[in-house]
Amino acid sequence: MINQINSFFISIIIYCLASPFFIICSILLLFINLFNKNLSFISLRFFSQMILRLMGMSIKINGIFPTTKQYIVMMNHASFIDM
């Protein structure tokens, strides 16, 4: 019970720290997308990685996407954060 309460409060703190960064990044990405589409893809990847790290998540990439075939990236929505 105490472990669940501690986990809840840690989650609240992490969300409070990451939310302002998420809002600022969203506004910046909107402006970048208006002026330079190529730069928006690069900056989107950077901001996504930073938001995940701020929320205490690690990034693990297995393999590479195929370059000669089409593919679909699908989220399972198992948590509040799907990227």
Protein backbone atom coordinates (compact mmCIF):
# COMPACT_ATOMS: atom_id res chain seq x y z
CA MET A 1 0.00 0.00 0.00
CA ILE A 2 2.75 2.44 0.92
CA ASN A 3 4.69 1.47 -2.22
CA GLN A 4 1.65 2.34 -4.37
CA ILE A 5 1.29 5.71 -2.65
CA ASN A 6 4.99 6.48 -3.21
CA SER A 7 4.69 5.45 -6.84
CA PHE A 8 1.64 7.69 -7.26
CA PHE A 9 3.40 10.75 -5.83
CA ILE A 10 6.52 10.13 -7.92
CA SER A 11 4.33 9.93 -11.04
CA ILE A 12 2.65 13.23 -10.14
CA ILE A 13 6.03 14.92 -9.69
CA ILE A 14 7.37 13.58 -12.98
CA TYR A 15 4.23 14.68 -14.86
CA CYS A 16 4.42 18.15 -13.31
CA LEU A 17 8.04 18.52 -14.40
CA ALA A 18 7.50 17.18 -17.92
CA SER A 19 4.23 18.98 -18.74
CA PRO A 20 5.67 22.51 -19.14
CA PHE A 21 8.44 21.13 -21.35
CA PHE A 22 5.83 19.31 -23.45
CA ILE A 23 3.77 22.49 -23.90
CA ILE A 24 6.82 24.57 -24.86
CA CYS A 25 8.03 21.90 -27.31
CA SER A 26 4.59 21.66 -28.90
CA ILE A 27 4.47 25.40 -29.55
CA LEU A 28 8.02 25.37 -30.94
CA LEU A 29 7.22 22.44 -33.22
CA LEU A 30 4.18 24.24 -34.60
CA PHE A 31 6.28 27.27 -35.54
CA ILE A 32 9.09 25.13 -36.97
CA ASN A 33 6.58 23.17 -39.05
CA LEU A 34 5.18 26.39 -40.52
CA PHE A 35 8.54 27.54 -41.83
CA ASN A 36 10.61 24.42 -42.56
CA LYS A 37 9.08 20.95 -43.02
CA ASN A 38 12.44 19.14 -43.19
CA LEU A 39 13.61 20.67 -39.93
CA SER A 40 10.33 19.74 -38.25
CA PHE A 41 11.04 15.99 -38.61
CA ILE A 42 14.49 16.36 -37.05
CA SER A 43 13.25 18.53 -34.20
CA LEU A 44 10.25 16.25 -33.56
CA ARG A 45 12.56 13.30 -32.97
CA PHE A 46 14.76 15.37 -30.62
CA PHE A 47 11.82 16.74 -28.59
CA SER A 48 10.19 13.30 -28.35
CA GLN A 49 13.37 11.79 -26.95
CA MET A 50 13.73 14.62 -24.45
CA ILE A 51 10.15 14.27 -23.23
CA LEU A 52 10.58 10.51 -22.77
CA ARG A 53 13.79 11.04 -20.81
CA LEU A 54 12.18 13.71 -18.62
CA MET A 55 9.46 11.22 -17.75
CA GLY A 56 12.07 8.67 -16.67
CA MET A 57 11.78 6.36 -19.67
CA SER A 58 14.65 4.84 -21.58
CA ILE A 59 14.78 4.54 -25.35
CA LYS A 60 15.59 1.14 -26.83
CA ILE A 61 15.63 0.58 -30.58
CA ASN A 62 15.64 -2.96 -31.94
CA GLY A 63 16.53 -3.34 -35.61
CA ILE A 64 15.78 -0.86 -38.38
CA PHE A 65 12.73 0.07 -40.42
CA PRO A 66 12.62 -1.42 -43.91
CA THR A 67 13.63 1.01 -46.62
CA THR A 68 12.25 -0.90 -49.61
CA LYS A 69 8.80 -1.84 -48.27
CA GLN A 70 5.89 -0.02 -46.70
CA TYR A 71 5.15 -0.49 -43.01
CA ILE A 72 2.68 0.57 -40.34
CA VAL A 73 3.64 1.75 -36.86
CA MET A 74 0.85 0.96 -34.42
CA MET A 75 0.53 1.87 -30.74
CA ASN A 76 -1.19 -0.42 -28.26
CA HIS A 77 -2.31 2.38 -25.90
CA ALA A 78 -1.37 0.35 -22.85
CA SER A 79 -0.34 3.45 -20.92
CA PHE A 80 -0.86 7.19 -20.84
CA ILE A 81 2.26 7.74 -22.93
CA ASP A 82 2.51 6.21 -26.40
CA MET A 83 5.12 7.49 -28.80
